[in-house]
Amino acid sequence: MLFGALGMAYRTSIDIHGMNAYEAEIALEDFLDLLDDDIQEVEVIHGYKSGTVLRDMVRSSFHHHRIKKKIISMNQGITVFLT
């Protein structure tokens, strides 16, 4: 978790490795539902070497009202949500 000048967190991450698409979608929904309003970025670590199901779900079909934008990282195993 990264902190701003006032000590408030503005970035966090969630690792969904090892989950199937359904489990990952539920985990992401719950995580975003409970996310503090100060958080501006969520780094989703989904991996890609074991297949692209999670990556494709996160980048394409997953939607949540807190996500303003998705940033595709240079690292194929990570997607960043701007909230």
Protein backbone atom coordinates (compact mmCIF):
# COMPACT_ATOMS: atom_id res chain seq x y z
CA MET A 1 0.00 0.00 0.00
CA LEU A 2 1.39 3.43 -0.92
CA PHE A 3 0.75 6.51 1.18
CA GLY A 4 0.41 10.18 0.22
CA ALA A 5 1.89 13.21 1.94
CA LEU A 6 -0.72 13.19 4.69
CA GLY A 7 -0.18 9.53 5.45
CA MET A 8 -3.39 8.46 3.74
CA ALA A 9 -3.29 5.41 1.48
CA TYR A 10 -4.06 6.06 -2.16
CA ARG A 11 -3.05 2.75 -3.74
CA THR A 12 -3.61 -0.89 -2.86
CA SER A 13 -3.51 -4.28 -4.57
CA ILE A 14 -5.31 -7.59 -4.74
CA ASP A 15 -3.83 -10.89 -5.92
CA ILE A 16 -6.28 -13.26 -7.60
CA HIS A 17 -3.74 -15.93 -8.66
CA GLY A 18 -5.04 -19.46 -8.30
CA MET A 19 -8.71 -18.48 -8.44
CA ASN A 20 -11.11 -19.46 -11.18
CA ALA A 21 -12.93 -16.66 -13.02
CA TYR A 22 -16.04 -16.89 -10.83
CA GLU A 23 -14.06 -16.78 -7.57
CA ALA A 24 -11.96 -13.89 -8.86
CA GLU A 25 -15.02 -11.89 -9.91
CA ILE A 26 -16.60 -12.31 -6.45
CA ALA A 27 -13.31 -11.42 -4.73
CA LEU A 28 -12.92 -8.27 -6.87
CA GLU A 29 -16.53 -7.19 -6.30
CA ASP A 30 -16.22 -7.64 -2.53
CA PHE A 31 -12.82 -5.89 -2.46
CA LEU A 32 -14.08 -2.88 -4.43
CA ASP A 33 -17.33 -2.69 -2.43
CA LEU A 34 -15.34 -2.37 0.81
CA LEU A 35 -12.64 -0.11 -0.60
CA ASP A 36 -12.00 3.10 1.30
CA ASP A 37 -12.89 6.29 -0.59
CA ASP A 38 -9.28 7.53 -0.32
CA ILE A 39 -8.00 4.73 -2.56
CA GLN A 40 -7.38 5.98 -6.09
CA GLU A 41 -5.64 2.96 -7.63
CA VAL A 42 -6.08 -0.78 -7.28
CA GLU A 43 -3.41 -3.02 -8.75
CA VAL A 44 -4.96 -6.35 -9.75
CA ILE A 45 -2.39 -9.13 -9.93
CA HIS A 46 -3.93 -11.82 -12.13
CA GLY A 47 -0.90 -13.41 -13.78
CA TYR A 48 -0.82 -14.70 -17.33
CA LYS A 49 1.65 -17.57 -17.59
CA SER A 50 -0.91 -20.17 -16.47
CA GLY A 51 -3.50 -18.92 -18.98
CA THR A 52 -5.34 -15.75 -19.85
CA VAL A 53 -8.79 -16.41 -18.38
CA LEU A 54 -8.27 -14.14 -15.35
CA ARG A 55 -6.47 -11.45 -17.36
CA ASP A 56 -9.22 -11.39 -19.97
CA MET A 57 -11.97 -11.31 -17.34
CA VAL A 58 -10.32 -8.41 -15.47
CA ARG A 59 -9.53 -6.40 -18.60
CA SER A 60 -12.67 -7.07 -20.64
CA SER A 61 -15.75 -8.43 -18.95
CA PHE A 62 -15.37 -7.28 -15.33
CA HIS A 63 -17.21 -4.05 -14.50
CA HIS A 64 -17.82 -2.26 -11.19
CA HIS A 65 -19.22 1.19 -10.47
CA ARG A 66 -16.01 2.19 -8.62
CA ILE A 67 -13.79 1.64 -11.68
CA LYS A 68 -13.29 4.87 -13.64
CA LYS A 69 -10.59 3.52 -15.93
CA LYS A 70 -8.51 0.39 -16.50
CA ILE A 71 -4.81 0.71 -17.25
CA ILE A 72 -3.07 -2.19 -18.95
CA SER A 73 0.36 -2.50 -17.41
CA MET A 74 3.57 -3.25 -19.28
CA ASN A 75 3.58 -6.35 -17.04
CA GLN A 76 1.03 -8.67 -18.68
CA GLY A 77 0.12 -10.12 -15.30
CA ILE A 78 -1.13 -6.82 -13.84
CA THR A 79 -4.04 -4.48 -14.57
CA VAL A 80 -4.58 -1.21 -12.67
CA PHE A 81 -8.03 0.14 -11.86
CA LEU A 82 -8.40 3.88 -11.28
CA THR A 83 -11.18 4.48 -8.79
